[in-house]
Amino acid sequence: MTQRPQAEGISQQTQNQQGRLFGVPLGDLGWFASLLIGAAAGVIGFFATTFVGIFGIMIYNAVTHANVDYEYAYARGGLTVGIITLVAAWGYLGTLWVKRITRKG
């Protein structure tokens, strides 16, 4: 059984306490990386909600023989969720960035 140095255990513990998303340490992002990841989260939210909305409208139209316009999946579903996700992601990542900047100074 080998012993690990004390400093290695401390740095590993500090790294585990930081927030991670798919292996990316969210606390160490710069302002541009935060903008990009926030925008990517908004785009993913938009497309996922639009996809689910289109299939929901398609099933509803098939079952009820109605003629609901597919534009609702985009305008009322995907766009709304995409904007909310974008603002929430930018808010969260922005606060992490501001905290990191103020701790250094």
N, C-alpha and C. Protein backbone atom coordinates (compact mmCIF):
# COMPACT_ATOMS: atom_id res chain seq x y z
N MET A 1 0.83 -1.17 0.00
CA MET A 1 0.00 0.00 0.00
C MET A 1 0.89 1.24 0.00
N THR A 2 0.65 2.15 -0.94
CA THR A 2 1.49 3.34 -1.04
C THR A 2 0.76 4.54 -0.44
N GLN A 3 1.55 5.44 0.06
CA GLN A 3 1.01 6.65 0.67
C GLN A 3 1.07 7.79 -0.35
N ARG A 4 0.00 8.55 -0.43
CA ARG A 4 -0.01 9.73 -1.30
C ARG A 4 0.49 10.93 -0.53
N PRO A 5 1.18 11.83 -1.19
CA PRO A 5 1.59 13.06 -0.51
C PRO A 5 0.37 13.88 -0.08
N GLN A 6 0.51 14.61 1.01
CA GLN A 6 -0.60 15.40 1.56
C GLN A 6 -1.08 16.45 0.55
N ALA A 7 -0.17 17.10 -0.16
CA ALA A 7 -0.56 18.16 -1.10
C ALA A 7 -1.40 17.61 -2.24
N GLU A 8 -1.13 16.40 -2.69
CA GLU A 8 -1.89 15.80 -3.78
C GLU A 8 -3.34 15.58 -3.36
N GLY A 9 -3.57 15.16 -2.15
CA GLY A 9 -4.93 14.94 -1.66
C GLY A 9 -5.71 16.24 -1.55
N ILE A 10 -5.02 17.32 -1.16
CA ILE A 10 -5.69 18.61 -1.03
C ILE A 10 -6.08 19.15 -2.39
N SER A 11 -5.18 19.09 -3.36
CA SER A 11 -5.52 19.62 -4.69
C SER A 11 -6.61 18.79 -5.35
N GLN A 12 -6.61 17.49 -5.13
CA GLN A 12 -7.66 16.66 -5.69
C GLN A 12 -9.00 16.98 -5.03
N GLN A 13 -8.99 17.23 -3.73
CA GLN A 13 -10.23 17.58 -3.04
C GLN A 13 -10.76 18.92 -3.54
N THR A 14 -9.90 19.90 -3.79
CA THR A 14 -10.32 21.19 -4.31
C THR A 14 -10.91 21.05 -5.70
N GLN A 15 -10.31 20.21 -6.53
CA GLN A 15 -10.82 20.00 -7.88
C GLN A 15 -12.19 19.33 -7.85
N ASN A 16 -12.42 18.43 -6.92
CA ASN A 16 -13.70 17.74 -6.85
C ASN A 16 -14.81 18.65 -6.36
N GLN A 17 -14.50 19.72 -5.64
CA GLN A 17 -15.51 20.62 -5.11
C GLN A 17 -16.03 21.58 -6.17
N GLN A 18 -15.30 21.79 -7.25
CA GLN A 18 -15.74 22.69 -8.30
C GLN A 18 -16.84 22.04 -9.12
N GLY A 19 -17.75 22.87 -9.64
CA GLY A 19 -18.80 22.35 -10.50
C GLY A 19 -18.25 21.91 -11.85
N ARG A 20 -18.72 20.78 -12.33
CA ARG A 20 -18.29 20.26 -13.63
C ARG A 20 -19.51 19.90 -14.45
N LEU A 21 -19.43 20.18 -15.75
CA LEU A 21 -20.48 19.81 -16.69
C LEU A 21 -19.81 19.10 -17.85
N PHE A 22 -20.05 17.81 -17.99
CA PHE A 22 -19.42 16.96 -19.00
C PHE A 22 -17.90 17.07 -18.96
N GLY A 23 -17.35 17.15 -17.75
CA GLY A 23 -15.91 17.20 -17.58
C GLY A 23 -15.31 18.59 -17.65
N VAL A 24 -16.10 19.61 -17.97
CA VAL A 24 -15.60 20.98 -18.06
C VAL A 24 -15.74 21.64 -16.70
N PRO A 25 -14.64 22.12 -16.11
CA PRO A 25 -14.75 22.81 -14.82
C PRO A 25 -15.38 24.18 -15.01
N LEU A 26 -16.63 24.33 -14.57
CA LEU A 26 -17.37 25.56 -14.82
C LEU A 26 -16.81 26.76 -14.09
N GLY A 27 -16.15 26.56 -12.96
CA GLY A 27 -15.60 27.67 -12.20
C GLY A 27 -14.37 28.28 -12.83
N ASP A 28 -13.74 27.63 -13.78
CA ASP A 28 -12.49 28.11 -14.38
C ASP A 28 -12.68 28.71 -15.77
N LEU A 29 -13.91 28.94 -16.19
CA LEU A 29 -14.14 29.46 -17.54
C LEU A 29 -13.92 30.97 -17.58
N GLY A 30 -13.43 31.45 -18.70
CA GLY A 30 -13.30 32.88 -18.92
C GLY A 30 -14.63 33.44 -19.40
N TRP A 31 -14.67 34.74 -19.69
CA TRP A 31 -15.94 35.36 -20.07
C TRP A 31 -16.39 34.87 -21.44
N PHE A 32 -15.46 34.69 -22.37
CA PHE A 32 -15.85 34.25 -23.72
C PHE A 32 -16.32 32.80 -23.71
N ALA A 33 -15.64 31.94 -22.96
CA ALA A 33 -16.08 30.54 -22.85
C ALA A 33 -17.43 30.45 -22.16
N SER A 34 -17.68 31.31 -21.19
CA SER A 34 -18.98 31.33 -20.53
C SER A 34 -20.08 31.74 -21.51
N LEU A 35 -19.79 32.73 -22.35
CA LEU A 35 -20.76 33.14 -23.36
C LEU A 35 -21.06 32.01 -24.35
N LEU A 36 -20.01 31.32 -24.78
CA LEU A 36 -20.21 30.24 -25.74
C LEU A 36 -20.99 29.07 -25.15
N ILE A 37 -20.66 28.67 -23.94
CA ILE A 37 -21.36 27.55 -23.32
C ILE A 37 -22.80 27.93 -23.00
N GLY A 38 -23.03 29.16 -22.58
CA GLY A 38 -24.40 29.62 -22.34
C GLY A 38 -25.22 29.64 -23.61
N ALA A 39 -24.62 30.11 -24.71
CA ALA A 39 -25.32 30.12 -26.00
C ALA A 39 -25.59 28.70 -26.48
N ALA A 40 -24.64 27.81 -26.28
CA ALA A 40 -24.84 26.41 -26.67
C ALA A 40 -25.98 25.77 -25.88
N ALA A 41 -26.07 26.10 -24.59
CA ALA A 41 -27.16 25.56 -23.77
C ALA A 41 -28.51 26.07 -24.28
N GLY A 42 -28.58 27.35 -24.65
CA GLY A 42 -29.81 27.91 -25.20
C GLY A 42 -30.21 27.27 -26.51
N VAL A 43 -29.24 27.04 -27.38
CA VAL A 43 -29.52 26.40 -28.67
C VAL A 43 -29.98 24.96 -28.47
N ILE A 44 -29.34 24.24 -27.56
CA ILE A 44 -29.76 22.86 -27.28
C ILE A 44 -31.17 22.83 -26.71
N GLY A 45 -31.49 23.76 -25.82
CA GLY A 45 -32.84 23.84 -25.27
C GLY A 45 -33.86 24.15 -26.35
N PHE A 46 -33.52 25.07 -27.24
CA PHE A 46 -34.42 25.42 -28.34
C PHE A 46 -34.71 24.23 -29.24
N PHE A 47 -33.67 23.56 -29.70
CA PHE A 47 -33.86 22.45 -30.63
C PHE A 47 -34.54 21.25 -29.98
N ALA A 48 -34.20 20.96 -28.73
CA ALA A 48 -34.83 19.83 -28.05
C ALA A 48 -36.32 20.09 -27.84
N THR A 49 -36.68 21.30 -27.41
CA THR A 49 -38.08 21.61 -27.19
C THR A 49 -38.86 21.66 -28.50
N THR A 50 -38.25 22.20 -29.55
CA THR A 50 -38.91 22.21 -30.85
C THR A 50 -39.14 20.80 -31.36
N PHE A 51 -38.15 19.93 -31.20
CA PHE A 51 -38.28 18.53 -31.63
C PHE A 51 -39.43 17.83 -30.91
N VAL A 52 -39.47 17.98 -29.58
CA VAL A 52 -40.54 17.35 -28.80
C VAL A 52 -41.88 17.97 -29.15
N GLY A 53 -41.91 19.28 -29.36
CA GLY A 53 -43.16 19.95 -29.73
C GLY A 53 -43.69 19.51 -31.07
N ILE A 54 -42.83 19.34 -32.06
CA ILE A 54 -43.28 18.88 -33.38
C ILE A 54 -43.86 17.48 -33.29
N PHE A 55 -43.19 16.60 -32.56
CA PHE A 55 -43.74 15.25 -32.42
C PHE A 55 -45.04 15.25 -31.62
N GLY A 56 -45.13 16.12 -30.62
CA GLY A 56 -46.37 16.22 -29.86
C GLY A 56 -47.52 16.70 -30.72
N ILE A 57 -47.28 17.72 -31.55
CA ILE A 57 -48.32 18.21 -32.45
C ILE A 57 -48.67 17.16 -33.49
N MET A 58 -47.68 16.45 -33.99
CA MET A 58 -47.94 15.40 -34.98
C MET A 58 -48.83 14.31 -34.39
N ILE A 59 -48.54 13.88 -33.17
CA ILE A 59 -49.37 12.86 -32.52
C ILE A 59 -50.77 13.40 -32.24
N TYR A 60 -50.84 14.65 -31.76
CA TYR A 60 -52.14 15.25 -31.49
C TYR A 60 -52.98 15.36 -32.77
N ASN A 61 -52.36 15.79 -33.87
CA ASN A 61 -53.08 15.89 -35.14
C ASN A 61 -53.54 14.52 -35.62
N ALA A 62 -52.74 13.49 -35.43
CA ALA A 62 -53.11 12.16 -35.89
C ALA A 62 -54.25 11.57 -35.05
N VAL A 63 -54.23 11.81 -33.76
CA VAL A 63 -55.24 11.23 -32.87
C VAL A 63 -56.57 11.97 -32.99
N THR A 64 -56.55 13.29 -33.01
CA THR A 64 -57.79 14.07 -32.99
C THR A 64 -58.25 14.51 -34.38
N HIS A 65 -57.48 14.25 -35.40
CA HIS A 65 -57.79 14.68 -36.78
C HIS A 65 -57.94 16.19 -36.86
N ALA A 66 -57.20 16.89 -36.00
CA ALA A 66 -57.20 18.35 -36.01
C ALA A 66 -56.12 18.82 -36.98
N ASN A 67 -56.03 20.13 -37.14
CA ASN A 67 -55.02 20.69 -38.03
C ASN A 67 -54.28 21.81 -37.29
N VAL A 68 -53.51 21.44 -36.27
CA VAL A 68 -52.72 22.41 -35.51
C VAL A 68 -51.46 22.73 -36.31
N ASP A 69 -51.16 24.00 -36.40
CA ASP A 69 -50.01 24.46 -37.17
C ASP A 69 -48.71 24.10 -36.44
N TYR A 70 -47.72 23.60 -37.17
CA TYR A 70 -46.44 23.22 -36.57
C TYR A 70 -45.63 24.42 -36.12
N GLU A 71 -46.01 25.61 -36.53
CA GLU A 71 -45.32 26.82 -36.14
C GLU A 71 -45.39 27.03 -34.64
N TYR A 72 -46.42 26.50 -33.99
CA TYR A 72 -46.54 26.64 -32.54
C TYR A 72 -45.39 25.94 -31.81
N ALA A 73 -44.88 24.87 -32.35
CA ALA A 73 -43.76 24.16 -31.72
C ALA A 73 -42.52 25.05 -31.68
N TYR A 74 -42.36 25.86 -32.71
CA TYR A 74 -41.21 26.76 -32.76
C TYR A 74 -41.47 28.02 -31.94
N ALA A 75 -42.54 28.72 -32.25
CA ALA A 75 -42.75 30.05 -31.70
C ALA A 75 -43.12 30.03 -30.23
N ARG A 76 -43.99 29.13 -29.81
CA ARG A 76 -44.45 29.13 -28.43
C ARG A 76 -43.69 28.16 -27.55
N GLY A 77 -43.07 27.17 -28.15
CA GLY A 77 -42.35 26.18 -27.35
C GLY A 77 -40.86 26.41 -27.38
N GLY A 78 -40.25 26.15 -28.52
CA GLY A 78 -38.80 26.17 -28.64
C GLY A 78 -38.17 27.52 -28.37
N LEU A 79 -38.76 28.57 -28.93
CA LEU A 79 -38.19 29.90 -28.77
C LEU A 79 -38.25 30.34 -27.31
N THR A 80 -39.36 30.09 -26.66
CA THR A 80 -39.52 30.48 -25.26
C THR A 80 -38.53 29.74 -24.36
N VAL A 81 -38.47 28.42 -24.51
CA VAL A 81 -37.56 27.63 -23.68
C VAL A 81 -36.10 27.96 -24.01
N GLY A 82 -35.79 28.18 -25.28
CA GLY A 82 -34.42 28.54 -25.66
C GLY A 82 -33.96 29.84 -25.03
N ILE A 83 -34.83 30.86 -25.04
CA ILE A 83 -34.47 32.14 -24.46
C ILE A 83 -34.33 32.03 -22.94
N ILE A 84 -35.25 31.31 -22.30
CA ILE A 84 -35.16 31.14 -20.84
C ILE A 84 -33.89 30.38 -20.46
N THR A 85 -33.56 29.33 -21.23
CA THR A 85 -32.34 28.56 -20.96
C THR A 85 -31.10 29.41 -21.18
N LEU A 86 -31.10 30.21 -22.24
CA LEU A 86 -29.97 31.08 -22.54
C LEU A 86 -29.74 32.08 -21.40
N VAL A 87 -30.80 32.74 -20.95
CA VAL A 87 -30.67 33.73 -19.89
C VAL A 87 -30.24 33.07 -18.58
N ALA A 88 -30.81 31.91 -18.27
CA ALA A 88 -30.44 31.21 -17.03
C ALA A 88 -28.97 30.76 -17.08
N ALA A 89 -28.54 30.22 -18.21
CA ALA A 89 -27.15 29.76 -18.33
C ALA A 89 -26.18 30.93 -18.25
N TRP A 90 -26.49 32.03 -18.94
CA TRP A 90 -25.61 33.20 -18.87
C TRP A 90 -25.59 33.79 -17.47
N GLY A 91 -26.72 33.78 -16.80
CA GLY A 91 -26.76 34.28 -15.43
C GLY A 91 -25.91 33.45 -14.50
N TYR A 92 -26.05 32.12 -14.60
CA TYR A 92 -25.29 31.22 -13.73
C TYR A 92 -23.79 31.29 -14.04
N LEU A 93 -23.43 31.17 -15.30
CA LEU A 93 -22.02 31.20 -15.67
C LEU A 93 -21.41 32.57 -15.43
N GLY A 94 -22.20 33.63 -15.59
CA GLY A 94 -21.72 34.98 -15.32
C GLY A 94 -21.40 35.19 -13.85
N THR A 95 -22.26 34.66 -12.97
CA THR A 95 -21.98 34.79 -11.54
C THR A 95 -20.74 33.99 -11.15
N LEU A 96 -20.55 32.82 -11.75
CA LEU A 96 -19.33 32.05 -11.48
C LEU A 96 -18.09 32.82 -11.92
N TRP A 97 -18.18 33.47 -13.08
CA TRP A 97 -17.04 34.23 -13.60
C TRP A 97 -16.75 35.43 -12.70
N VAL A 98 -17.79 36.15 -12.27
CA VAL A 98 -17.60 37.32 -11.40
C VAL A 98 -17.01 36.89 -10.06
N LYS A 99 -17.49 35.77 -9.51
CA LYS A 99 -16.93 35.29 -8.24
C LYS A 99 -15.45 34.96 -8.38
N ARG A 100 -15.09 34.32 -9.48
CA ARG A 100 -13.69 33.96 -9.69
C ARG A 100 -12.82 35.19 -9.85
N ILE A 101 -13.31 36.19 -10.58
CA ILE A 101 -12.54 37.43 -10.79
C ILE A 101 -12.38 38.18 -9.48
N THR A 102 -13.43 38.27 -8.68
CA THR A 102 -13.34 39.04 -7.43
C THR A 102 -12.49 38.32 -6.38
N ARG A 103 -12.41 36.99 -6.42
CA ARG A 103 -11.55 36.27 -5.49
C ARG A 103 -10.07 36.51 -5.79
N LYS A 104 -9.74 36.64 -7.08
CA LYS A 104 -8.33 36.86 -7.45
C LYS A 104 -7.86 38.26 -7.06
N GLY A 105 -8.74 39.22 -7.15
CA GLY A 105 -8.34 40.63 -6.93
C GLY A 105 -8.32 41.03 -5.55
